[in-house]
Amino acid sequence: LLKLKPPAPACENRRLVRQDFVDSGRTVSFTLSCPAPDKSTPVSLTLNGKSLGSFNATSVPHSYHVELTKGLSIPIVPNEFIFTSPAPVLLTGFTIDR
């Protein structure tokens, strides 16, 4: 039985996704939170170097849904979602909804 560690807060969170998942997906959903109490930090999201938006992570977890437009995927190689922030944030519940 494989036991995975819970996700740890980080200033950069990466998720690799197959091209067909990006192409057939309509939205990407995720939850962000800042582990420091009573703090908030900005978080930017890119897919293959293209900005998908900016978000604010607070001590209270918040779910976000971002629409995926056509033409964002790259063939052959894994497509990379990158969440970056100046302070560590916790990324959970990352899914691509069809």
Protein backbone atom coordinates (compact mmCIF):
# COMPACT_ATOMS: atom_id res chain seq x y z
CA LEU A 1 0.00 0.00 0.00
CA LEU A 2 1.42 3.35 -1.04
CA LYS A 3 0.93 6.24 1.35
CA LEU A 4 1.37 9.70 -0.15
CA LYS A 5 2.50 12.68 1.87
CA PRO A 6 -0.01 15.51 2.14
CA PRO A 7 0.79 18.48 -0.09
CA ALA A 8 3.22 21.01 1.38
CA PRO A 9 3.03 24.79 0.97
CA ALA A 10 5.39 26.15 -1.71
CA CYS A 11 6.12 29.36 -3.63
CA GLU A 12 5.89 27.42 -6.88
CA ASN A 13 3.47 24.59 -7.57
CA ARG A 14 3.63 22.73 -10.90
CA ARG A 15 1.13 20.34 -12.43
CA LEU A 16 1.94 18.41 -15.62
CA VAL A 17 -1.04 17.48 -17.77
CA ARG A 18 -1.38 15.50 -21.01
CA GLN A 19 -2.30 17.45 -24.14
CA ASP A 20 -5.61 15.62 -24.66
CA PHE A 21 -6.75 16.57 -21.14
CA VAL A 22 -6.01 20.25 -21.80
CA ASP A 23 -7.66 20.14 -25.24
CA SER A 24 -10.82 18.43 -24.01
CA GLY A 25 -11.04 20.35 -20.73
CA ARG A 26 -13.40 23.26 -20.26
CA THR A 27 -12.19 24.53 -16.90
CA VAL A 28 -9.39 23.97 -14.44
CA SER A 29 -10.46 23.93 -10.79
CA PHE A 30 -8.26 24.27 -7.72
CA THR A 31 -8.20 25.44 -4.13
CA LEU A 32 -5.63 27.88 -2.74
CA SER A 33 -4.82 28.83 0.84
CA CYS A 34 -2.03 30.63 2.66
CA PRO A 35 -0.75 28.66 5.68
CA ALA A 36 0.15 31.82 7.64
CA PRO A 37 -2.78 32.96 9.78
CA ASP A 38 -4.34 36.32 8.90
CA LYS A 39 -2.10 36.71 5.83
CA SER A 40 -2.77 36.80 2.11
CA THR A 41 -0.53 36.50 -0.91
CA PRO A 42 -1.04 36.96 -4.66
CA VAL A 43 -0.79 33.87 -6.86
CA SER A 44 -0.37 33.86 -10.63
CA LEU A 45 -1.28 30.91 -12.85
CA THR A 46 0.29 30.17 -16.22
CA LEU A 47 -0.17 27.34 -18.68
CA ASN A 48 2.82 26.78 -20.98
CA GLY A 49 3.97 30.35 -20.31
CA LYS A 50 0.58 31.95 -21.03
CA SER A 51 -1.15 33.76 -18.16
CA LEU A 52 -4.48 32.31 -17.04
CA GLY A 53 -5.03 34.79 -14.22
CA SER A 54 -4.08 36.12 -10.80
CA PHE A 55 -5.66 35.07 -7.52
CA ASN A 56 -5.40 35.91 -3.83
CA ALA A 57 -4.62 33.14 -1.35
CA THR A 58 -5.76 33.78 2.24
CA SER A 59 -5.73 31.69 5.41
CA VAL A 60 -9.25 30.52 4.49
CA PRO A 61 -9.16 28.02 1.59
CA HIS A 62 -10.95 29.27 -1.52
CA SER A 63 -11.85 27.35 -4.69
CA TYR A 64 -11.32 28.84 -8.14
CA HIS A 65 -12.48 27.83 -11.63
CA VAL A 66 -10.67 29.09 -14.73
CA GLU A 67 -11.98 28.63 -18.26
CA LEU A 68 -9.58 26.98 -20.70
CA THR A 69 -9.64 28.45 -24.21
CA LYS A 70 -8.61 26.58 -27.33
CA GLY A 71 -4.99 26.74 -28.47
CA LEU A 72 -3.33 26.64 -25.04
CA SER A 73 -1.88 23.14 -25.29
CA ILE A 74 1.49 22.04 -26.66
CA PRO A 75 1.68 18.74 -28.61
CA ILE A 76 4.07 15.91 -27.72
CA VAL A 77 5.39 17.25 -24.37
CA PRO A 78 3.46 17.49 -21.07
CA ASN A 79 1.59 20.76 -20.62
CA GLU A 80 2.63 22.63 -17.49
CA PHE A 81 0.40 24.61 -15.16
CA ILE A 82 2.58 26.77 -12.86
CA PHE A 83 1.26 28.54 -9.77
CA THR A 84 3.75 31.15 -8.45
CA SER A 85 3.59 33.38 -5.40
CA PRO A 86 6.00 35.43 -3.26
CA ALA A 87 5.06 33.44 -0.13
CA PRO A 88 4.29 29.71 0.26
CA VAL A 89 0.72 28.68 -0.58
CA LEU A 90 -1.09 25.37 -0.37
CA LEU A 91 -2.57 24.10 -3.65
CA THR A 92 -5.18 21.34 -3.35
CA GLY A 93 -7.98 19.87 -5.44
CA PHE A 94 -6.39 20.51 -8.85
CA THR A 95 -8.69 19.07 -11.54
CA ILE A 96 -9.54 19.64 -15.18
CA ASP A 97 -13.29 19.50 -15.72
CA ARG A 98 -14.70 18.38 -19.07
